[in-house]
Amino acid sequence: MMQPVFWVVLLAAALASCVGGLLLCLRVWSQKALFAMISAGAGLLLAITFLDLMPHVLQGANMRMMPFVLVGFAAMFALELLGKAGGEIGSSSIIGVVSGFLLHAFVEGMSLVASLTVDSEVGMSVLLAMLLHKIPDGVTVASLMLAATNSRKKALWAATSLGIATIVGACSFGVAERLFPPNWSDVMLAMTTGIFLYVSASHLVPYIVQARRAEYGVYFFGSVLVYLVLSAYLHANHLHA
């Protein structure tokens, strides 16, 4: 049984995902601002893919998970082909982003409990890392949802769902451990990596390029740089599992 302080901090980490959605819902945004959000969100999504998810997939030279990255990528490509073609952000891309983030958040909640059962000090380090990067996660999913649907309510719910998925993952650790094979969470993370890779590099980046405005590139690279610095800080302090 986890100590009460664990659940308090876990709730704080979950609420951090709501910050992005809450900020975006406080005012009405112009079309130019929405494009800026898409650019920054695309940069964060690409950075999360290569700096957070991919290292976990390759951890311990576990190349057996790489085919599932391709499966996630191919699944999103097939969904895009079946969906509406055009220059806008399609509903299939938003489904991919939200689904990928939900899977990621769910597995994070489970990995947190798993790390705490092994070593409480390591577990708290993982929890602190989650607390720091949940905010950019929430900003990314909320900004892309807002740009695609122009609904602040949906953007807030999308960000809030990440926190809920984290808590559900933490609470369901024992059940999932008994029902699923030992490496099922690795498969989910690998597929999430493929989904994020497709949406960011194959859909959002070309969408930004089509806008032909240098300032959007600044937002994109700026968000990549911010997450790169954050990732370097976390690694330097041994906060990643």
C-alpha atoms as a PDB file:
ATOM      1  CA  MET A   1       0.000   0.000   0.000  1.00  0.00           C
ATOM      2  CA  MET A   2       1.450   3.350  -1.072  1.00  0.00           C
ATOM      3  CA  GLN A   3       1.874   6.135   1.449  1.00  0.00           C
ATOM      4  CA  PRO A   4      -0.576   9.081   1.317  1.00  0.00           C
ATOM      5  CA  VAL A   5       2.211  11.440   0.222  1.00  0.00           C
ATOM      6  CA  PHE A   6       2.677   9.300  -2.893  1.00  0.00           C
ATOM      7  CA  TRP A   7      -0.933   9.803  -3.963  1.00  0.00           C
ATOM      8  CA  VAL A   8      -0.720  13.543  -3.264  1.00  0.00           C
ATOM      9  CA  VAL A   9       2.335  13.942  -5.503  1.00  0.00           C
ATOM     10  CA  LEU A  10       0.881  11.587  -8.121  1.00  0.00           C
ATOM     11  CA  LEU A  11      -2.242  13.761  -8.219  1.00  0.00           C
ATOM     12  CA  ALA A  12      -0.027  16.827  -8.648  1.00  0.00           C
ATOM     13  CA  ALA A  13       1.713  15.152 -11.600  1.00  0.00           C
ATOM     14  CA  ALA A  14      -1.652  14.299 -13.116  1.00  0.00           C
ATOM     15  CA  LEU A  15      -2.933  17.855 -12.628  1.00  0.00           C
ATOM     16  CA  ALA A  16       0.194  19.188 -14.346  1.00  0.00           C
ATOM     17  CA  SER A  17      -1.185  17.737 -17.581  1.00  0.00           C
ATOM     18  CA  CYS A  18      -4.223  20.011 -17.200  1.00  0.00           C
ATOM     19  CA  VAL A  19      -2.150  23.189 -17.032  1.00  0.00           C
ATOM     20  CA  GLY A  20      -1.692  23.430 -20.797  1.00  0.00           C
ATOM     21  CA  GLY A  21      -5.381  22.892 -21.465  1.00  0.00           C
ATOM     22  CA  LEU A  22      -6.369  25.367 -18.776  1.00  0.00           C
ATOM     23  CA  LEU A  23      -4.096  28.100 -20.147  1.00  0.00           C
ATOM     24  CA  LEU A  24      -5.429  27.606 -23.651  1.00  0.00           C
ATOM     25  CA  CYS A  25      -9.030  27.850 -22.461  1.00  0.00           C
ATOM     26  CA  LEU A  26      -8.662  31.172 -20.681  1.00  0.00           C
ATOM     27  CA  ARG A  27      -9.019  33.247 -23.844  1.00  0.00           C
ATOM     28  CA  VAL A  28     -10.015  33.173 -27.514  1.00  0.00           C
ATOM     29  CA  TRP A  29      -7.012  32.623 -29.798  1.00  0.00           C
ATOM     30  CA  SER A  30      -6.488  34.063 -33.279  1.00  0.00           C
ATOM     31  CA  GLN A  31      -5.704  31.933 -36.337  1.00  0.00           C
ATOM     32  CA  LYS A  32      -2.097  33.121 -36.198  1.00  0.00           C
ATOM     33  CA  ALA A  33      -1.829  32.080 -32.572  1.00  0.00           C
ATOM     34  CA  LEU A  34      -3.279  28.663 -33.397  1.00  0.00           C
ATOM     35  CA  PHE A  35      -0.635  28.171 -36.089  1.00  0.00           C
ATOM     36  CA  ALA A  36       2.011  29.102 -33.532  1.00  0.00           C
ATOM     37  CA  MET A  37       0.560  26.500 -31.136  1.00  0.00           C
ATOM     38  CA  ILE A  38       0.626  23.859 -33.872  1.00  0.00           C
ATOM     39  CA  SER A  39       4.277  24.666 -34.578  1.00  0.00           C
ATOM     40  CA  ALA A  40       5.276  24.545 -30.927  1.00  0.00           C
ATOM     41  CA  GLY A  41       3.200  21.412 -30.354  1.00  0.00           C
ATOM     42  CA  ALA A  42       4.818  19.685 -33.329  1.00  0.00           C
ATOM     43  CA  GLY A  43       8.265  20.507 -31.973  1.00  0.00           C
ATOM     44  CA  LEU A  44       7.384  19.175 -28.536  1.00  0.00           C
ATOM     45  CA  LEU A  45       5.864  16.018 -30.011  1.00  0.00           C
ATOM     46  CA  LEU A  46       8.966  15.311 -32.098  1.00  0.00           C
ATOM     47  CA  ALA A  47      11.258  16.028 -29.138  1.00  0.00           C
ATOM     48  CA  ILE A  48       9.218  13.769 -26.838  1.00  0.00           C
ATOM     49  CA  THR A  49       9.425  11.016 -29.455  1.00  0.00           C
ATOM     50  CA  PHE A  50      13.211  11.075 -29.829  1.00  0.00           C
ATOM     51  CA  LEU A  51      14.301  12.182 -26.356  1.00  0.00           C
ATOM     52  CA  ASP A  52      11.773  10.402 -24.129  1.00  0.00           C
ATOM     53  CA  LEU A  53      10.071   7.497 -25.900  1.00  0.00           C
ATOM     54  CA  MET A  54      12.752   6.213 -28.278  1.00  0.00           C
ATOM     55  CA  PRO A  55      15.417   5.792 -25.552  1.00  0.00           C
ATOM     56  CA  HIS A  56      12.938   3.652 -23.568  1.00  0.00           C
ATOM     57  CA  VAL A  57      12.249   1.499 -26.634  1.00  0.00           C
ATOM     58  CA  LEU A  58      15.990   1.008 -27.206  1.00  0.00           C
ATOM     59  CA  GLN A  59      16.845   0.618 -23.522  1.00  0.00           C
ATOM     60  CA  GLY A  60      19.150  -2.315 -22.968  1.00  0.00           C
ATOM     61  CA  ALA A  61      19.604  -2.761 -26.745  1.00  0.00           C
ATOM     62  CA  ASN A  62      16.135  -4.258 -26.855  1.00  0.00           C
ATOM     63  CA  MET A  63      15.780  -4.172 -30.638  1.00  0.00           C
ATOM     64  CA  ARG A  64      12.901  -6.644 -30.483  1.00  0.00           C
ATOM     65  CA  MET A  65      10.534  -3.741 -29.814  1.00  0.00           C
ATOM     66  CA  MET A  66      11.490  -1.786 -32.937  1.00  0.00           C
ATOM     67  CA  PRO A  67       9.016  -3.656 -35.211  1.00  0.00           C
ATOM     68  CA  PHE A  68       6.202  -2.337 -33.025  1.00  0.00           C
ATOM     69  CA  VAL A  69       7.413   1.211 -33.714  1.00  0.00           C
ATOM     70  CA  LEU A  70       6.877   0.433 -37.396  1.00  0.00           C
ATOM     71  CA  VAL A  71       3.456  -1.038 -36.588  1.00  0.00           C
ATOM     72  CA  GLY A  72       2.391   2.171 -34.855  1.00  0.00           C
ATOM     73  CA  PHE A  73       3.735   4.284 -37.726  1.00  0.00           C
ATOM     74  CA  ALA A  74       2.019   2.126 -40.368  1.00  0.00           C
ATOM     75  CA  ALA A  75      -1.261   2.098 -38.439  1.00  0.00           C
ATOM     76  CA  MET A  76      -1.368   5.890 -38.396  1.00  0.00           C
ATOM     77  CA  PHE A  77      -0.455   6.047 -42.078  1.00  0.00           C
ATOM     78  CA  ALA A  78      -3.306   3.664 -42.924  1.00  0.00           C
ATOM     79  CA  LEU A  79      -5.707   5.687 -40.783  1.00  0.00           C
ATOM     80  CA  GLU A  80      -4.622   8.854 -42.577  1.00  0.00           C
ATOM     81  CA  LEU A  81      -5.223   7.260 -45.992  1.00  0.00           C
ATOM     82  CA  LEU A  82      -8.723   6.252 -44.938  1.00  0.00           C
ATOM     83  CA  GLY A  83      -9.441   9.683 -43.504  1.00  0.00           C
ATOM     84  CA  LYS A  84      -9.910  13.065 -45.125  1.00  0.00           C
ATOM     85  CA  ALA A  85      -7.053  14.171 -47.366  1.00  0.00           C
ATOM     86  CA  GLY A  86      -6.006  17.798 -47.599  1.00  0.00           C
ATOM     87  CA  GLY A  87      -3.911  20.505 -46.014  1.00  0.00           C
ATOM     88  CA  GLU A  88      -5.764  20.642 -42.704  1.00  0.00           C
ATOM     89  CA  ILE A  89      -5.008  18.707 -39.586  1.00  0.00           C
ATOM     90  CA  GLY A  90      -7.215  15.653 -39.964  1.00  0.00           C
ATOM     91  CA  SER A  91      -9.260  13.965 -37.289  1.00  0.00           C
ATOM     92  CA  SER A  92      -7.138  10.831 -37.687  1.00  0.00           C
ATOM     93  CA  SER A  93      -4.024  12.754 -36.632  1.00  0.00           C
ATOM     94  CA  ILE A  94      -5.761  14.113 -33.555  1.00  0.00           C
ATOM     95  CA  ILE A  95      -6.988  10.623 -32.683  1.00  0.00           C
ATOM     96  CA  GLY A  96      -3.421   9.398 -33.051  1.00  0.00           C
ATOM     97  CA  VAL A  97      -1.991  12.151 -30.857  1.00  0.00           C
ATOM     98  CA  VAL A  98      -4.560  11.725 -28.076  1.00  0.00           C
ATOM     99  CA  SER A  99      -4.447   7.918 -28.193  1.00  0.00           C
ATOM    100  CA  GLY A 100      -0.665   7.910 -28.127  1.00  0.00           C
ATOM    101  CA  PHE A 101      -0.501  10.305 -25.197  1.00  0.00           C
ATOM    102  CA  LEU A 102      -3.132   8.304 -23.308  1.00  0.00           C
ATOM    103  CA  LEU A 103      -1.161   5.087 -23.781  1.00  0.00           C
ATOM    104  CA  HIS A 104       2.002   6.880 -22.744  1.00  0.00           C
ATOM    105  CA  ALA A 105       0.386   8.354 -19.622  1.00  0.00           C
ATOM    106  CA  PHE A 106      -1.180   5.012 -18.681  1.00  0.00           C
ATOM    107  CA  VAL A 107       2.150   3.179 -18.945  1.00  0.00           C
ATOM    108  CA  GLU A 108       3.873   5.989 -17.030  1.00  0.00           C
ATOM    109  CA  GLY A 109       1.472   5.513 -14.139  1.00  0.00           C
ATOM    110  CA  MET A 110       2.167   1.787 -14.101  1.00  0.00           C
ATOM    111  CA  SER A 111       5.943   2.227 -14.405  1.00  0.00           C
ATOM    112  CA  LEU A 112       5.861   4.647 -11.489  1.00  0.00           C
ATOM    113  CA  VAL A 113       4.246   2.081  -9.204  1.00  0.00           C
ATOM    114  CA  ALA A 114       6.591  -0.614 -10.525  1.00  0.00           C
ATOM    115  CA  SER A 115       9.659   1.499  -9.736  1.00  0.00           C
ATOM    116  CA  LEU A 116       8.343   2.293  -6.256  1.00  0.00           C
ATOM    117  CA  THR A 117       7.857  -1.393  -5.478  1.00  0.00           C
ATOM    118  CA  VAL A 118      11.513  -2.001  -6.381  1.00  0.00           C
ATOM    119  CA  ASP A 119      13.148   1.074  -4.840  1.00  0.00           C
ATOM    120  CA  SER A 120      11.334   4.001  -3.241  1.00  0.00           C
ATOM    121  CA  GLU A 121      14.162   6.448  -4.003  1.00  0.00           C
ATOM    122  CA  VAL A 122      14.162   5.530  -7.697  1.00  0.00           C
ATOM    123  CA  GLY A 123      10.373   5.740  -7.728  1.00  0.00           C
ATOM    124  CA  MET A 124      10.343   9.270  -6.362  1.00  0.00           C
ATOM    125  CA  SER A 125      12.929  10.275  -8.980  1.00  0.00           C
ATOM    126  CA  VAL A 126      10.647   8.910 -11.690  1.00  0.00           C
ATOM    127  CA  LEU A 127       7.736  10.785 -10.131  1.00  0.00           C
ATOM    128  CA  LEU A 128       9.670  14.067 -10.181  1.00  0.00           C
ATOM    129  CA  ALA A 129      10.587  13.495 -13.830  1.00  0.00           C
ATOM    130  CA  MET A 130       6.913  12.911 -14.618  1.00  0.00           C
ATOM    131  CA  LEU A 131       5.930  16.088 -12.789  1.00  0.00           C
ATOM    132  CA  LEU A 132       8.343  18.128 -14.909  1.00  0.00           C
ATOM    133  CA  HIS A 133       7.384  16.801 -18.325  1.00  0.00           C
ATOM    134  CA  LYS A 134       3.630  16.436 -17.829  1.00  0.00           C
ATOM    135  CA  ILE A 135       3.178  20.158 -18.454  1.00  0.00           C
ATOM    136  CA  PRO A 136       4.636  20.124 -22.010  1.00  0.00           C
ATOM    137  CA  ASP A 137       2.638  16.942 -22.659  1.00  0.00           C
ATOM    138  CA  GLY A 138      -0.560  18.762 -21.713  1.00  0.00           C
ATOM    139  CA  VAL A 139       0.367  21.821 -23.769  1.00  0.00           C
ATOM    140  CA  THR A 140       1.049  19.674 -26.839  1.00  0.00           C
ATOM    141  CA  VAL A 141      -2.161  17.668 -26.845  1.00  0.00           C
ATOM    142  CA  ALA A 142      -4.343  20.647 -25.881  1.00  0.00           C
ATOM    143  CA  SER A 143      -2.875  22.988 -28.511  1.00  0.00           C
ATOM    144  CA  LEU A 144      -3.262  20.456 -31.313  1.00  0.00           C
ATOM    145  CA  MET A 145      -6.813  19.632 -30.221  1.00  0.00           C
ATOM    146  CA  LEU A 146      -7.699  23.334 -30.076  1.00  0.00           C
ATOM    147  CA  ALA A 147      -6.234  23.981 -33.521  1.00  0.00           C
ATOM    148  CA  ALA A 148      -8.089  21.012 -35.056  1.00  0.00           C
ATOM    149  CA  THR A 149     -11.498  21.484 -33.408  1.00  0.00           C
ATOM    150  CA  ASN A 150     -11.462  25.156 -32.326  1.00  0.00           C
ATOM    151  CA  SER A 151     -13.087  23.953 -29.109  1.00  0.00           C
ATOM    152  CA  ARG A 152     -11.527  25.068 -25.840  1.00  0.00           C
ATOM    153  CA  LYS A 153     -13.671  22.557 -23.962  1.00  0.00           C
ATOM    154  CA  LYS A 154     -12.311  19.641 -26.005  1.00  0.00           C
ATOM    155  CA  ALA A 155      -8.765  20.942 -25.592  1.00  0.00           C
ATOM    156  CA  LEU A 156      -9.170  21.034 -21.820  1.00  0.00           C
ATOM    157  CA  TRP A 157     -10.685  17.541 -21.724  1.00  0.00           C
ATOM    158  CA  ALA A 158      -7.874  16.189 -23.902  1.00  0.00           C
ATOM    159  CA  ALA A 159      -5.265  17.516 -21.477  1.00  0.00           C
ATOM    160  CA  THR A 160      -7.248  16.373 -18.436  1.00  0.00           C
ATOM    161  CA  SER A 161      -7.544  12.850 -19.857  1.00  0.00           C
ATOM    162  CA  LEU A 162      -3.753  12.501 -19.651  1.00  0.00           C
ATOM    163  CA  GLY A 163      -3.824  12.995 -15.898  1.00  0.00           C
ATOM    164  CA  ILE A 164      -6.717  10.555 -15.556  1.00  0.00           C
ATOM    165  CA  ALA A 165      -4.848   7.948 -17.616  1.00  0.00           C
ATOM    166  CA  THR A 166      -1.778   8.341 -15.385  1.00  0.00           C
ATOM    167  CA  ILE A 167      -3.811   7.716 -12.236  1.00  0.00           C
ATOM    168  CA  VAL A 168      -5.675   4.783 -13.836  1.00  0.00           C
ATOM    169  CA  GLY A 169      -2.361   3.269 -14.873  1.00  0.00           C
ATOM    170  CA  ALA A 170      -0.987   3.599 -11.337  1.00  0.00           C
ATOM    171  CA  CYS A 171      -4.114   2.061  -9.805  1.00  0.00           C
ATOM    172  CA  SER A 172      -4.298  -0.821 -12.287  1.00  0.00           C
ATOM    173  CA  PHE A 173      -0.679  -1.939 -11.990  1.00  0.00           C
ATOM    174  CA  GLY A 174      -1.472  -5.052  -9.970  1.00  0.00           C
ATOM    175  CA  VAL A 175      -4.306  -6.161 -12.240  1.00  0.00           C
ATOM    176  CA  ALA A 176      -2.429  -5.581 -15.491  1.00  0.00           C
ATOM    177  CA  GLU A 177       0.638  -7.341 -14.136  1.00  0.00           C
ATOM    178  CA  ARG A 178      -1.425 -10.523 -13.695  1.00  0.00           C
ATOM    179  CA  LEU A 179      -3.443 -10.325 -16.932  1.00  0.00           C
ATOM    180  CA  PHE A 180      -0.853  -9.316 -19.543  1.00  0.00           C
ATOM    181  CA  PRO A 181       2.550 -10.689 -20.617  1.00  0.00           C
ATOM    182  CA  PRO A 182       5.585  -9.126 -18.899  1.00  0.00           C
ATOM    183  CA  ASN A 183       6.629  -7.067 -21.950  1.00  0.00           C
ATOM    184  CA  TRP A 184       3.193  -5.706 -22.897  1.00  0.00           C
ATOM    185  CA  SER A 185       4.005  -2.208 -21.651  1.00  0.00           C
ATOM    186  CA  ASP A 186       7.137  -2.154 -23.838  1.00  0.00           C
ATOM    187  CA  VAL A 187       4.964  -2.989 -26.844  1.00  0.00           C
ATOM    188  CA  MET A 188       2.555  -0.148 -26.019  1.00  0.00           C
ATOM    189  CA  LEU A 189       5.403   2.346 -25.672  1.00  0.00           C
ATOM    190  CA  ALA A 190       6.939   1.188 -28.950  1.00  0.00           C
ATOM    191  CA  MET A 191       3.635   1.618 -30.799  1.00  0.00           C
ATOM    192  CA  THR A 192       3.168   5.044 -29.186  1.00  0.00           C
ATOM    193  CA  THR A 193       6.625   6.003 -30.472  1.00  0.00           C
ATOM    194  CA  GLY A 194       5.629   5.031 -34.007  1.00  0.00           C
ATOM    195  CA  ILE A 195       2.370   6.975 -33.738  1.00  0.00           C
ATOM    196  CA  PHE A 196       4.107  10.116 -32.480  1.00  0.00           C
ATOM    197  CA  LEU A 197       6.821   9.798 -35.132  1.00  0.00           C
ATOM    198  CA  TYR A 198       4.255   9.669 -37.911  1.00  0.00           C
ATOM    199  CA  VAL A 199       2.075  12.507 -36.641  1.00  0.00           C
ATOM    200  CA  SER A 200       4.973  14.871 -35.921  1.00  0.00           C
ATOM    201  CA  ALA A 201       7.383  14.192 -38.798  1.00  0.00           C
ATOM    202  CA  SER A 202       5.011  13.058 -41.558  1.00  0.00           C
ATOM    203  CA  HIS A 203       1.993  15.248 -40.892  1.00  0.00           C
ATOM    204  CA  LEU A 204       2.597  18.266 -38.685  1.00  0.00           C
ATOM    205  CA  VAL A 205       6.032  19.274 -40.019  1.00  0.00           C
ATOM    206  CA  PRO A 206       4.838  19.348 -43.677  1.00  0.00           C
ATOM    207  CA  TYR A 207       1.761  21.265 -42.498  1.00  0.00           C
ATOM    208  CA  ILE A 208       4.027  23.928 -40.960  1.00  0.00           C
ATOM    209  CA  VAL A 209       6.222  24.053 -44.074  1.00  0.00           C
ATOM    210  CA  GLN A 210       3.150  24.725 -46.228  1.00  0.00           C
ATOM    211  CA  ALA A 211       2.415  27.836 -44.166  1.00  0.00           C
ATOM    212  CA  ARG A 212       5.707  29.350 -45.447  1.00  0.00           C
ATOM    213  CA  ARG A 213       6.236  31.614 -42.452  1.00  0.00           C
ATOM    214  CA  ALA A 214       9.653  31.691 -40.800  1.00  0.00           C
ATOM    215  CA  GLU A 215       8.184  32.579 -37.407  1.00  0.00           C
ATOM    216  CA  TYR A 216       6.462  29.189 -37.205  1.00  0.00           C
ATOM    217  CA  GLY A 217       9.842  27.548 -37.669  1.00  0.00           C
ATOM    218  CA  VAL A 218      11.090  29.608 -34.733  1.00  0.00           C
ATOM    219  CA  TYR A 219       8.260  28.290 -32.550  1.00  0.00           C
ATOM    220  CA  PHE A 220       8.986  24.741 -33.708  1.00  0.00           C
ATOM    221  CA  PHE A 221      12.725  24.828 -33.027  1.00  0.00           C
ATOM    222  CA  GLY A 222      12.191  26.831 -29.854  1.00  0.00           C
ATOM    223  CA  SER A 223       9.961  24.125 -28.372  1.00  0.00           C
ATOM    224  CA  VAL A 224      12.457  21.446 -29.425  1.00  0.00           C
ATOM    225  CA  LEU A 225      15.233  23.383 -27.674  1.00  0.00           C
ATOM    226  CA  VAL A 226      13.171  23.816 -24.509  1.00  0.00           C
ATOM    227  CA  TYR A 227      12.445  20.094 -24.286  1.00  0.00           C
ATOM    228  CA  LEU A 228      16.066  19.270 -25.141  1.00  0.00           C
ATOM    229  CA  VAL A 229      17.262  21.373 -22.200  1.00  0.00           C
ATOM    230  CA  LEU A 230      14.637  19.800 -19.935  1.00  0.00           C
ATOM    231  CA  SER A 231      15.636  16.306 -21.057  1.00  0.00           C
ATOM    232  CA  ALA A 232      19.324  17.058 -20.507  1.00  0.00           C
ATOM    233  CA  TYR A 233      18.529  18.321 -16.998  1.00  0.00           C
ATOM    234  CA  LEU A 234      16.562  15.177 -16.162  1.00  0.00           C
ATOM    235  CA  HIS A 235      19.299  12.869 -17.427  1.00  0.00           C
ATOM    236  CA  ALA A 236      21.992  14.849 -15.622  1.00  0.00           C
ATOM    237  CA  ASN A 237      20.129  14.370 -12.365  1.00  0.00           C
ATOM    238  CA  HIS A 238      19.363  10.678 -13.007  1.00  0.00           C
ATOM    239  CA  LEU A 239      15.633  11.249 -12.962  1.00  0.00           C
ATOM    240  CA  HIS A 240      14.702   8.925 -15.790  1.00  0.00           C
ATOM    241  CA  ALA A 241      13.948   5.319 -14.967  1.00  0.00           C
END
